[in-house]
Amino acid sequence: MPLQNEVFWGERLQLARDFRGLTQKQLGEEVAASSAMIARCETGIKRDPAPDLVEACAEVLGFEEDFFYRELDDVFLERECSFRHRRSTPEKTKTQIRAHATLLGMVIQQLRGYFAFPEVDLPRIPATTFEDVELAAENARNHWRLGLDGPIWQMGRVLEHAGVIIVRHFVQSSKVDAFSRQGKTTVIFLNEAIQSPSRWNFDIGHECGHLIMHAGIHTGDVQTEEQADRFASAFLMPRRAFSREFLAAPFSWKHIFDLKRRWHTSASAIVRRAYDLGLIGAAQYRRAFQYMSFKGWTKGEPAEPVFQEPELLQTAFNALGNGVDLTVDQLRSKLHFTHKTFKDVTGVQIATSSPKMAEVISMRIA
């Protein structure tokens, strides 16, 4: 039971409720309270809800009671976030994903007390025209010393070296491919329900484009989404090197899939890149997509690259209790998550044994 002089923070109740995808009315029904009472608690009008109401909310939402008696200092706000989503995606889904990301941010902030994660190193390159976007992608590659002559073999590692934490787990939805946020904690979430490493590579590039080009700009409209798509294409397939290799042989699907294996991106992205660069005309572009649809490749392509698992969080979790004076359960306890909520939020399977620490990303124990 929390100490009586501690203050109930309604923002945390709203965060937990949003994470579970419940309305105020639905939560009220679960805990035998009116939706008006839940609203008063969340807005701070009711600063001292009855202990049994707090206990009931904690039980239903999957948190310890003490979770609600801490100030909330880093909420993932709408203006900081970008979604790679369908236009029909409900706002409720996006709210739920932001809540999930905020909770993961709490986990990461706790880990920062024990690990020195790489500093965020994102160039800021505003872009308006497609030529601006091409240059932004080229400048980003040069900023990270990737060069302009070849493919990126491990797209996720590039961003994690730049201090962006990649997560392949968020609230299940077929309507959101990826999500990113830049702020106190900068992250990119991927949708693990999409079993396509080439699409994940493109999604990382897309969100990278938002982080680099659209700082402080509201995204989600047609223009910013097209710019982020163009950035991903240009970042993954620099125009001069890609054009040279695309034109090295006549158009054929064997050639397209050879390029896919080389550039680690989808056949559809390769065809689109060729069209954007004027290497094929509109008619050939349309015929190519008609053929891919006929073959069923729009739902899943052959010759997929091997997906490189995100490393920063896994490395940190593997080190807990193994050279670090903090166990996974102690971390969970500090956050006041239940065991189920901790797994729901992190999506990381923690080994029960003591694995060796894999020093893959440059990160040291603080």
Protein backbone atom coordinates (compact mmCIF):
# COMPACT_ATOMS: atom_id res chain seq x y z
CA MET A 1 0.00 0.00 0.00
CA PRO A 2 1.46 3.44 -0.90
CA LEU A 3 2.38 5.87 1.86
CA GLN A 4 -0.46 8.21 2.72
CA ASN A 5 1.54 11.36 1.95
CA GLU A 6 2.25 10.22 -1.62
CA VAL A 7 0.25 11.85 -4.42
CA PHE A 8 -1.80 9.89 -6.93
CA TRP A 9 -0.81 10.81 -10.51
CA GLY A 10 -3.83 10.55 -12.78
CA GLU A 11 -1.68 10.76 -15.91
CA ARG A 12 -0.34 7.33 -15.02
CA LEU A 13 -3.82 5.91 -14.76
CA GLN A 14 -4.62 7.25 -18.23
CA LEU A 15 -1.34 5.86 -19.55
CA ALA A 16 -2.07 2.39 -18.17
CA ARG A 17 -5.65 2.50 -19.45
CA ASP A 18 -4.52 3.62 -22.93
CA PHE A 19 -1.94 0.83 -22.99
CA ARG A 20 -4.65 -1.74 -22.34
CA GLY A 21 -6.89 -0.17 -25.00
CA LEU A 22 -9.75 0.54 -22.60
CA THR A 23 -12.10 3.52 -22.56
CA GLN A 24 -12.91 5.27 -19.29
CA LYS A 25 -16.32 3.62 -19.39
CA GLN A 26 -14.85 0.15 -19.91
CA LEU A 27 -12.35 0.57 -17.07
CA GLY A 28 -15.12 1.93 -14.83
CA GLU A 29 -17.23 -1.15 -15.51
CA GLU A 30 -14.31 -3.41 -14.60
CA VAL A 31 -13.68 -1.69 -11.26
CA ALA A 32 -17.29 -0.78 -10.37
CA ALA A 33 -16.79 2.96 -10.77
CA SER A 34 -18.43 5.53 -13.01
CA SER A 35 -16.64 6.81 -16.09
CA ALA A 36 -16.92 10.27 -14.48
CA MET A 37 -14.93 9.02 -11.46
CA ILE A 38 -12.23 7.56 -13.73
CA ALA A 39 -12.09 10.89 -15.60
CA ARG A 40 -11.77 12.85 -12.32
CA CYS A 41 -8.91 10.60 -11.25
CA GLU A 42 -7.10 10.94 -14.58
CA THR A 43 -7.42 14.73 -14.82
CA GLY A 44 -6.23 15.30 -11.27
CA ILE A 45 -9.54 16.59 -9.92
CA LYS A 46 -9.58 13.54 -7.65
CA ARG A 47 -6.09 13.46 -6.14
CA ASP A 48 -6.82 10.90 -3.43
CA PRO A 49 -8.94 8.06 -4.86
CA ALA A 50 -10.01 5.35 -2.41
CA PRO A 51 -7.27 2.75 -1.84
CA ASP A 52 -9.55 -0.07 -2.95
CA LEU A 53 -10.27 1.78 -6.24
CA VAL A 54 -6.55 2.18 -6.88
CA GLU A 55 -6.02 -1.49 -6.05
CA ALA A 56 -8.80 -2.51 -8.43
CA CYS A 57 -7.41 -0.36 -11.28
CA ALA A 58 -3.95 -1.79 -10.71
CA GLU A 59 -5.33 -5.33 -10.79
CA VAL A 60 -7.30 -4.81 -14.00
CA LEU A 61 -4.57 -2.89 -15.83
CA GLY A 62 -1.60 -5.03 -14.76
CA PHE A 63 0.43 -2.70 -12.54
CA GLU A 64 1.37 -2.52 -8.88
CA GLU A 65 -0.42 0.16 -6.89
CA ASP A 66 2.79 2.14 -6.40
CA PHE A 67 2.93 2.67 -10.17
CA PHE A 68 0.29 5.39 -9.82
CA TYR A 69 2.21 7.30 -7.14
CA ARG A 70 5.15 8.50 -9.23
CA GLU A 71 5.37 11.59 -11.39
CA LEU A 72 5.24 10.94 -15.14
CA ASP A 73 8.16 12.81 -16.66
CA ASP A 74 8.50 11.62 -20.28
CA VAL A 75 5.23 11.08 -22.13
CA PHE A 76 5.51 10.28 -25.82
CA LEU A 77 3.48 13.14 -27.24
CA GLU A 78 1.64 13.06 -30.55
CA ARG A 79 3.75 15.84 -32.06
CA GLU A 80 6.95 13.84 -31.37
CA CYS A 81 5.74 10.65 -33.02
CA SER A 82 5.49 9.37 -36.58
CA PHE A 83 3.46 6.40 -37.75
CA ARG A 84 3.86 4.34 -40.89
CA HIS A 85 0.20 3.41 -41.08
CA ARG A 86 -2.87 3.13 -43.23
CA ARG A 87 -5.12 6.15 -43.41
CA SER A 88 -7.91 4.05 -41.89
CA THR A 89 -5.90 3.37 -38.72
CA PRO A 90 -8.05 4.33 -35.70
CA GLU A 91 -6.76 7.05 -33.39
CA LYS A 92 -7.31 4.61 -30.54
CA THR A 93 -4.66 2.30 -32.02
CA LYS A 94 -2.14 5.11 -32.32
CA THR A 95 -2.89 6.22 -28.74
CA GLN A 96 -2.34 2.65 -27.53
CA ILE A 97 1.00 2.43 -29.35
CA ARG A 98 2.17 5.77 -27.90
CA ALA A 99 1.26 4.50 -24.43
CA HIS A 100 3.23 1.31 -25.05
CA ALA A 101 6.21 3.35 -26.22
CA THR A 102 5.99 5.62 -23.16
CA LEU A 103 6.12 2.57 -20.88
CA LEU A 104 9.11 1.20 -22.78
CA GLY A 105 10.71 4.61 -22.37
CA MET A 106 10.42 4.12 -18.60
CA VAL A 107 12.26 0.81 -18.93
CA ILE A 108 15.01 2.44 -20.97
CA GLN A 109 15.38 5.32 -18.51
CA GLN A 110 15.90 2.82 -15.69
CA LEU A 111 18.50 0.98 -17.77
CA ARG A 112 20.37 4.22 -18.43
CA GLY A 113 21.32 4.21 -14.76
CA TYR A 114 23.32 1.03 -15.39
CA PHE A 115 24.40 1.29 -19.04
CA ALA A 116 25.85 4.02 -21.21
CA PHE A 117 23.80 3.72 -24.37
CA PRO A 118 25.23 5.34 -27.51
CA GLU A 119 24.51 9.05 -27.71
CA VAL A 120 21.87 10.05 -30.24
CA ASP A 121 23.64 11.13 -33.42
CA LEU A 122 21.00 12.12 -35.96
CA PRO A 123 21.79 14.80 -38.54
CA ARG A 124 19.00 17.36 -39.00
CA ILE A 125 18.44 17.87 -42.72
CA PRO A 126 15.14 19.53 -43.67
CA ALA A 127 13.92 18.64 -47.16
CA THR A 128 11.14 19.93 -49.37
CA THR A 129 11.66 18.66 -52.92
CA PHE A 130 12.54 15.11 -53.94
CA GLU A 131 16.02 16.36 -54.90
CA ASP A 132 16.34 17.68 -51.35
CA VAL A 133 15.35 14.23 -50.08
CA GLU A 134 17.93 12.50 -52.29
CA LEU A 135 20.62 14.81 -50.96
CA ALA A 136 19.43 14.33 -47.38
CA ALA A 137 19.78 10.55 -47.74
CA GLU A 138 23.22 10.88 -49.28
CA ASN A 139 24.34 13.31 -46.59
CA ALA A 140 23.04 10.96 -43.88
CA ARG A 141 25.03 8.07 -45.33
CA ASN A 142 28.13 10.26 -45.47
CA HIS A 143 27.49 11.48 -41.90
CA TRP A 144 27.61 7.88 -40.69
CA ARG A 145 30.52 7.02 -43.00
CA LEU A 146 28.52 4.48 -44.99
CA GLY A 147 29.61 5.69 -48.41
CA LEU A 148 27.43 5.83 -51.52
CA ASP A 149 28.66 2.82 -53.48
CA GLY A 150 27.10 -0.22 -51.85
CA PRO A 151 24.30 -1.72 -49.78
CA ILE A 152 23.74 -1.47 -46.04
CA TRP A 153 24.00 -4.97 -44.66
CA GLN A 154 22.60 -4.26 -41.19
CA MET A 155 20.15 -1.39 -41.30
CA GLY A 156 19.10 -1.67 -37.67
CA ARG A 157 22.65 -1.59 -36.42
CA VAL A 158 23.30 1.68 -38.27
CA LEU A 159 20.49 3.37 -36.34
CA GLU A 160 21.37 1.74 -33.02
CA HIS A 161 24.97 2.91 -33.35
CA ALA A 162 23.42 6.37 -33.79
CA GLY A 163 21.63 6.00 -30.45
CA VAL A 164 18.19 5.07 -31.83
CA ILE A 165 16.75 2.06 -30.03
CA ILE A 166 15.04 -0.41 -32.37
CA VAL A 167 12.17 -2.48 -31.01
CA ARG A 168 10.39 -5.16 -33.03
CA HIS A 169 7.43 -5.43 -30.71
CA PHE A 170 4.43 -3.20 -30.11
CA VAL A 171 0.67 -3.37 -29.70
CA GLN A 172 -0.55 -5.87 -32.28
CA SER A 173 -2.10 -4.14 -35.27
CA SER A 174 -2.07 -4.96 -38.96
CA LYS A 175 -2.67 -1.29 -39.75
CA VAL A 176 0.66 0.09 -38.46
CA ASP A 177 3.94 -1.05 -40.02
CA ALA A 178 6.27 1.07 -37.92
CA PHE A 179 6.42 3.94 -35.45
CA SER A 180 9.14 6.33 -34.33
CA ARG A 181 9.65 9.03 -31.74
CA GLN A 182 12.42 11.50 -31.17
CA GLY A 183 12.79 13.08 -27.79
CA LYS A 184 14.37 12.22 -24.46
CA THR A 185 14.31 8.62 -25.67
CA THR A 186 14.49 8.11 -29.43
CA VAL A 187 13.06 4.83 -30.70
CA ILE A 188 11.82 3.02 -33.79
CA PHE A 189 9.21 0.32 -33.33
CA LEU A 190 8.67 -2.35 -35.98
CA ASN A 191 5.64 -4.59 -36.31
CA GLU A 192 6.76 -8.17 -35.70
CA ALA A 193 3.55 -9.39 -37.33
CA ILE A 194 5.08 -8.38 -40.68
CA GLN A 195 7.31 -11.31 -41.52
CA SER A 196 9.43 -9.56 -44.15
CA PRO A 197 12.99 -8.46 -43.35
CA SER A 198 13.18 -6.45 -46.58
CA ARG A 199 10.08 -4.51 -45.51
CA TRP A 200 11.56 -4.02 -42.03
CA ASN A 201 14.70 -2.57 -43.59
CA PHE A 202 12.56 -0.19 -45.62
CA ASP A 203 10.43 0.69 -42.58
CA ILE A 204 13.57 1.54 -40.59
CA GLY A 205 14.71 3.72 -43.49
CA HIS A 206 11.29 5.38 -43.65
CA GLU A 207 11.29 6.22 -39.94
CA CYS A 208 14.92 7.32 -40.21
CA GLY A 209 13.75 9.79 -42.84
CA HIS A 210 11.19 11.24 -40.45
CA LEU A 211 13.77 11.54 -37.67
CA ILE A 212 16.27 13.30 -39.94
CA MET A 213 14.01 15.48 -42.11
CA HIS A 214 10.91 16.15 -40.03
CA ALA A 215 12.07 17.18 -36.56
CA GLY A 216 9.32 19.34 -35.07
CA ILE A 217 7.05 18.79 -38.09
CA HIS A 218 3.71 17.03 -37.86
CA THR A 219 3.88 13.93 -40.06
CA GLY A 220 1.33 11.51 -41.44
CA ASP A 221 0.12 13.58 -44.40
CA VAL A 222 0.72 12.52 -47.99
CA GLN A 223 3.70 14.85 -48.49
CA THR A 224 5.73 13.79 -45.43
CA GLU A 225 4.98 10.11 -46.04
CA GLU A 226 6.11 10.34 -49.66
CA GLN A 227 9.26 12.16 -48.55
CA ALA A 228 10.02 9.45 -45.96
CA ASP A 229 9.46 6.72 -48.58
CA ARG A 230 11.78 8.50 -51.00
CA PHE A 231 14.37 8.90 -48.25
CA ALA A 232 14.25 5.18 -47.45
CA SER A 233 14.73 4.31 -51.13
CA ALA A 234 17.60 6.76 -51.54
CA PHE A 235 19.25 5.74 -48.27
CA LEU A 236 19.07 2.01 -49.04
CA MET A 237 19.82 2.36 -52.78
CA PRO A 238 21.97 5.44 -53.57
CA ARG A 239 21.03 6.64 -57.03
CA ARG A 240 24.36 6.46 -58.86
CA ALA A 241 25.44 3.02 -57.64
CA PHE A 242 21.94 1.59 -57.95
CA SER A 243 21.42 2.98 -61.45
CA ARG A 244 24.72 1.56 -62.62
CA GLU A 245 23.84 -1.92 -61.34
CA PHE A 246 20.20 -1.81 -62.50
CA LEU A 247 21.26 -0.92 -66.05
CA ALA A 248 23.99 -3.59 -66.12
CA ALA A 249 21.46 -6.11 -67.47
CA PRO A 250 18.10 -5.96 -69.25
CA PHE A 251 14.99 -5.93 -67.10
CA SER A 252 14.17 -9.46 -65.92
CA TRP A 253 12.89 -10.91 -62.67
CA LYS A 254 16.12 -12.83 -62.23
CA HIS A 255 17.95 -9.51 -62.40
CA ILE A 256 15.49 -7.90 -59.97
CA PHE A 257 15.97 -10.67 -57.42
CA ASP A 258 19.74 -10.57 -57.88
CA LEU A 259 19.51 -6.89 -56.99
CA LYS A 260 17.26 -7.72 -54.04
CA ARG A 261 19.86 -10.09 -52.61
CA ARG A 262 22.53 -7.46 -53.15
CA TRP A 263 20.70 -4.41 -51.77
CA HIS A 264 18.65 -6.12 -49.03
CA THR A 265 15.41 -4.45 -50.00
CA SER A 266 12.21 -5.72 -51.59
CA ALA A 267 11.66 -6.34 -55.29
CA SER A 268 8.78 -3.88 -55.19
CA ALA A 269 11.07 -1.20 -53.70
CA ILE A 270 13.65 -1.91 -56.42
CA VAL A 271 11.05 -1.54 -59.18
CA ARG A 272 9.75 1.67 -57.61
CA ARG A 273 13.29 3.03 -57.25
CA ALA A 274 13.98 2.30 -60.91
CA TYR A 275 10.81 4.15 -61.89
CA ASP A 276 11.57 7.15 -59.65
CA LEU A 277 15.02 7.44 -61.19
CA GLY A 278 13.68 7.21 -64.74
CA LEU A 279 15.34 3.85 -65.42
CA ILE A 280 12.01 2.34 -66.49
CA GLY A 281 8.90 4.03 -67.86
CA ALA A 282 5.41 4.20 -66.40
CA ALA A 283 4.03 1.39 -68.55
CA GLN A 284 6.79 -1.04 -67.58
CA TYR A 285 6.43 0.00 -63.94
CA ARG A 286 2.68 -0.74 -63.99
CA ARG A 287 3.18 -4.07 -65.75
CA ALA A 288 5.78 -5.06 -63.20
CA PHE A 289 3.44 -4.38 -60.27
CA GLN A 290 0.62 -6.17 -62.07
CA TYR A 291 2.89 -9.21 -62.39
CA MET A 292 3.96 -9.05 -58.73
CA SER A 293 0.31 -8.91 -57.69
CA PHE A 294 -0.46 -11.91 -59.92
CA LYS A 295 2.40 -13.86 -58.31
CA GLY A 296 1.21 -12.93 -54.82
CA TRP A 297 4.43 -11.10 -54.04
CA THR A 298 2.58 -8.07 -52.70
CA LYS A 299 1.72 -10.25 -49.67
CA GLY A 300 5.13 -11.85 -49.33
CA GLU A 301 8.17 -12.02 -51.59
CA PRO A 302 10.66 -14.86 -52.07
CA ALA A 303 14.41 -14.50 -51.49
CA GLU A 304 14.07 -12.53 -48.26
CA PRO A 305 17.29 -11.46 -46.50
CA VAL A 306 18.08 -12.62 -42.98
CA PHE A 307 16.70 -10.17 -40.43
CA GLN A 308 19.23 -8.69 -38.04
CA GLU A 309 17.67 -8.65 -34.59
CA PRO A 310 17.80 -5.35 -32.66
CA GLU A 311 20.72 -5.49 -30.24
CA LEU A 312 20.76 -2.63 -27.74
CA LEU A 313 17.93 -3.72 -25.47
CA GLN A 314 18.75 -7.41 -25.76
CA THR A 315 22.37 -6.76 -24.83
CA ALA A 316 21.27 -4.76 -21.79
CA PHE A 317 18.74 -7.38 -20.67
CA ASN A 318 21.26 -10.19 -21.07
CA ALA A 319 23.70 -8.32 -18.83
CA LEU A 320 21.23 -7.83 -15.96
CA GLY A 321 22.31 -9.99 -13.04
CA ASN A 322 25.46 -10.89 -14.96
CA GLY A 323 28.04 -8.24 -14.16
CA VAL A 324 25.35 -5.68 -13.38
CA ASP A 325 24.01 -5.20 -9.86
CA LEU A 326 20.40 -5.38 -10.99
CA THR A 327 18.27 -8.36 -11.95
CA VAL A 328 15.40 -8.34 -14.41
CA ASP A 329 12.92 -8.82 -11.58
CA GLN A 330 14.45 -5.93 -9.63
CA LEU A 331 14.08 -3.76 -12.72
CA ARG A 332 10.44 -4.81 -13.00
CA SER A 333 9.94 -4.03 -9.33
CA LYS A 334 11.46 -0.56 -9.69
CA LEU A 335 8.96 0.15 -12.48
CA HIS A 336 6.03 -1.33 -10.51
CA PHE A 337 4.95 -3.45 -13.47
CA THR A 338 3.45 -6.89 -12.97
CA HIS A 339 5.37 -9.76 -14.53
CA LYS A 340 2.88 -9.97 -17.40
CA THR A 341 2.98 -6.23 -18.09
CA PHE A 342 6.78 -6.26 -18.07
CA LYS A 343 6.77 -8.93 -20.78
CA ASP A 344 3.98 -7.16 -22.71
CA VAL A 345 5.95 -3.90 -22.71
CA THR A 346 9.46 -5.17 -23.44
CA GLY A 347 8.69 -8.11 -25.71
CA VAL A 348 12.04 -9.58 -24.66
CA GLN A 349 12.36 -13.21 -23.63
CA ILE A 350 14.72 -13.19 -20.67
CA ALA A 351 16.83 -16.30 -20.17
CA THR A 352 16.65 -17.91 -16.74
CA SER A 353 20.32 -18.84 -16.86
CA SER A 354 23.19 -16.38 -16.86
CA PRO A 355 24.12 -15.79 -20.52
CA LYS A 356 27.40 -14.25 -21.55
CA MET A 357 27.17 -10.56 -22.38
CA ALA A 358 27.32 -10.01 -26.13
CA GLU A 359 29.14 -6.73 -26.70
CA VAL A 360 27.80 -6.00 -30.17
CA ILE A 361 26.78 -2.38 -29.93
CA SER A 362 29.16 0.11 -28.31
CA MET A 363 27.55 0.33 -24.88
CA ARG A 364 29.27 0.18 -21.53
CA ILE A 365 28.08 -0.46 -18.00
CA ALA A 366 27.76 2.94 -16.33
